[in-house]
Amino acid sequence: MRTVRGLPVLGETVCNYDEGFISGILSLYSGKEYVAVETDCWATGGRVCRFQADVREGDS
């Protein structure tokens, strides 16, 4: 399991790979195009990394 716990506060999100992975898995299994965005991140001072995933505009 990948973790960013312990990283210093960098002022920007760092889990771009995870955004793409989440988008890809949801898109593959649902047949709709998803976009995932990291909304909370350890590297921005959050206690956890949290993601919001939504169907891409026009694919609903």
N, C-alpha and C. Protein backbone atom coordinates (compact mmCIF):
# COMPACT_ATOMS: atom_id res chain seq x y z
N MET A 1 0.84 -1.18 0.00
CA MET A 1 0.00 0.00 0.00
C MET A 1 0.88 1.24 0.00
N ARG A 2 0.59 2.14 -0.90
CA ARG A 2 1.35 3.38 -1.02
C ARG A 2 0.85 4.38 0.01
N THR A 3 1.76 5.10 0.63
CA THR A 3 1.36 6.11 1.61
C THR A 3 2.23 7.34 1.48
N VAL A 4 1.62 8.49 1.74
CA VAL A 4 2.37 9.75 1.74
C VAL A 4 2.50 10.29 3.16
N ARG A 5 2.03 9.51 4.12
CA ARG A 5 2.14 9.93 5.51
C ARG A 5 3.60 10.20 5.83
N GLY A 6 3.86 11.29 6.48
CA GLY A 6 5.22 11.64 6.83
C GLY A 6 5.86 12.63 5.88
N LEU A 7 5.22 12.87 4.72
CA LEU A 7 5.75 13.89 3.83
C LEU A 7 5.60 15.26 4.49
N PRO A 8 6.50 16.17 4.21
CA PRO A 8 6.32 17.54 4.73
C PRO A 8 5.15 18.21 4.02
N VAL A 9 4.61 19.25 4.61
CA VAL A 9 3.55 20.02 3.96
C VAL A 9 4.19 20.77 2.81
N LEU A 10 3.75 20.45 1.59
CA LEU A 10 4.35 21.01 0.38
C LEU A 10 3.50 22.12 -0.24
N GLY A 11 2.24 22.21 0.20
CA GLY A 11 1.37 23.24 -0.35
C GLY A 11 0.67 22.85 -1.64
N GLU A 12 0.83 21.60 -2.07
CA GLU A 12 0.14 21.13 -3.27
C GLU A 12 -0.13 19.63 -3.14
N THR A 13 -1.17 19.17 -3.84
CA THR A 13 -1.50 17.75 -3.80
C THR A 13 -0.43 16.97 -4.56
N VAL A 14 -0.22 15.72 -4.17
CA VAL A 14 0.85 14.92 -4.78
C VAL A 14 0.37 13.56 -5.30
N CYS A 15 -0.89 13.28 -5.19
CA CYS A 15 -1.39 11.94 -5.54
C CYS A 15 -1.98 11.90 -6.95
N ASN A 16 -1.26 12.45 -7.92
CA ASN A 16 -1.75 12.48 -9.30
C ASN A 16 -1.93 11.07 -9.86
N TYR A 17 -1.03 10.16 -9.53
CA TYR A 17 -1.16 8.77 -9.99
C TYR A 17 -2.49 8.19 -9.51
N ASP A 18 -2.82 8.44 -8.25
CA ASP A 18 -4.05 7.90 -7.68
C ASP A 18 -5.29 8.49 -8.36
N GLU A 19 -5.24 9.77 -8.70
CA GLU A 19 -6.36 10.39 -9.43
C GLU A 19 -6.61 9.63 -10.74
N GLY A 20 -5.55 9.36 -11.48
CA GLY A 20 -5.68 8.64 -12.74
C GLY A 20 -6.14 7.21 -12.56
N PHE A 21 -5.62 6.55 -11.53
CA PHE A 21 -5.99 5.16 -11.26
C PHE A 21 -7.48 5.07 -10.91
N ILE A 22 -7.94 5.93 -10.03
CA ILE A 22 -9.35 5.94 -9.63
C ILE A 22 -10.24 6.24 -10.84
N SER A 23 -9.86 7.25 -11.63
CA SER A 23 -10.63 7.59 -12.83
C SER A 23 -10.72 6.40 -13.77
N GLY A 24 -9.60 5.73 -14.00
CA GLY A 24 -9.56 4.59 -14.91
C GLY A 24 -10.40 3.42 -14.45
N ILE A 25 -10.30 3.07 -13.18
CA ILE A 25 -11.09 1.94 -12.65
C ILE A 25 -12.58 2.22 -12.74
N LEU A 26 -13.00 3.42 -12.31
CA LEU A 26 -14.43 3.76 -12.37
C LEU A 26 -14.93 3.78 -13.80
N SER A 27 -14.14 4.33 -14.72
CA SER A 27 -14.53 4.40 -16.12
C SER A 27 -14.64 3.00 -16.73
N LEU A 28 -13.68 2.15 -16.44
CA LEU A 28 -13.66 0.79 -16.98
C LEU A 28 -14.89 0.00 -16.55
N TYR A 29 -15.21 0.06 -15.27
CA TYR A 29 -16.30 -0.76 -14.75
C TYR A 29 -17.69 -0.17 -14.94
N SER A 30 -17.78 1.14 -15.13
CA SER A 30 -19.10 1.75 -15.31
C SER A 30 -19.44 2.01 -16.77
N GLY A 31 -18.42 2.07 -17.63
CA GLY A 31 -18.65 2.39 -19.03
C GLY A 31 -18.84 3.88 -19.27
N LYS A 32 -18.67 4.70 -18.24
CA LYS A 32 -18.76 6.16 -18.35
C LYS A 32 -17.40 6.75 -17.99
N GLU A 33 -17.10 7.89 -18.58
CA GLU A 33 -15.82 8.56 -18.33
C GLU A 33 -15.88 9.31 -17.00
N TYR A 34 -14.97 8.98 -16.10
CA TYR A 34 -14.89 9.63 -14.78
C TYR A 34 -13.64 10.50 -14.68
N VAL A 35 -13.76 11.52 -13.85
CA VAL A 35 -12.62 12.37 -13.49
C VAL A 35 -12.52 12.37 -11.98
N ALA A 36 -11.37 12.01 -11.45
CA ALA A 36 -11.13 12.02 -10.00
C ALA A 36 -10.15 13.15 -9.68
N VAL A 37 -10.44 13.87 -8.60
CA VAL A 37 -9.60 14.98 -8.17
C VAL A 37 -9.33 14.81 -6.67
N GLU A 38 -8.10 14.99 -6.28
CA GLU A 38 -7.75 14.92 -4.86
C GLU A 38 -8.22 16.20 -4.18
N THR A 39 -9.07 16.06 -3.17
CA THR A 39 -9.63 17.22 -2.48
C THR A 39 -8.94 17.50 -1.15
N ASP A 40 -8.38 16.51 -0.52
CA ASP A 40 -7.60 16.65 0.70
C ASP A 40 -6.34 15.83 0.53
N CYS A 41 -5.23 16.33 1.05
CA CYS A 41 -3.96 15.63 0.87
C CYS A 41 -3.06 15.85 2.09
N TRP A 42 -2.37 14.80 2.45
CA TRP A 42 -1.41 14.89 3.55
C TRP A 42 -0.39 16.00 3.27
N ALA A 43 0.00 16.14 2.01
CA ALA A 43 1.03 17.10 1.63
C ALA A 43 0.53 18.56 1.64
N THR A 44 -0.79 18.74 1.81
CA THR A 44 -1.32 20.10 1.95
C THR A 44 -1.76 20.36 3.39
N GLY A 45 -1.44 19.45 4.28
CA GLY A 45 -1.77 19.62 5.69
C GLY A 45 -2.97 18.82 6.15
N GLY A 46 -3.58 18.04 5.25
CA GLY A 46 -4.74 17.22 5.62
C GLY A 46 -4.31 16.00 6.43
N ARG A 47 -5.28 15.42 7.12
CA ARG A 47 -5.00 14.22 7.92
C ARG A 47 -5.07 12.95 7.08
N VAL A 48 -5.72 13.04 5.92
CA VAL A 48 -5.85 11.91 4.99
C VAL A 48 -5.83 12.45 3.56
N CYS A 49 -5.64 11.56 2.61
CA CYS A 49 -5.83 11.91 1.21
C CYS A 49 -7.25 11.48 0.83
N ARG A 50 -8.00 12.40 0.25
CA ARG A 50 -9.41 12.15 -0.08
C ARG A 50 -9.64 12.57 -1.53
N PHE A 51 -10.50 11.83 -2.23
CA PHE A 51 -10.74 12.08 -3.64
C PHE A 51 -12.22 12.27 -3.92
N GLN A 52 -12.53 13.10 -4.90
CA GLN A 52 -13.89 13.30 -5.40
C GLN A 52 -13.88 12.78 -6.83
N ALA A 53 -14.80 11.88 -7.15
CA ALA A 53 -14.88 11.33 -8.51
C ALA A 53 -16.26 11.63 -9.08
N ASP A 54 -16.28 12.19 -10.28
CA ASP A 54 -17.54 12.54 -10.93
C ASP A 54 -17.49 12.10 -12.39
N VAL A 55 -18.68 11.83 -12.93
CA VAL A 55 -18.78 11.51 -14.36
C VAL A 55 -18.40 12.77 -15.13
N ARG A 56 -17.54 12.58 -16.14
CA ARG A 56 -17.11 13.72 -16.97
C ARG A 56 -18.34 14.36 -17.62
N GLU A 57 -18.37 15.67 -17.64
CA GLU A 57 -19.46 16.43 -18.24
C GLU A 57 -19.75 15.91 -19.65
N GLY A 58 -21.02 15.67 -19.94
CA GLY A 58 -21.40 15.18 -21.26
C GLY A 58 -21.48 13.66 -21.35
N ASP A 59 -21.01 12.92 -20.31
CA ASP A 59 -21.04 11.45 -20.33
C ASP A 59 -22.10 10.90 -19.39
N SER A 60 -22.96 11.73 -18.87
CA SER A 60 -23.95 11.25 -17.90
C SER A 60 -25.16 10.80 -18.58
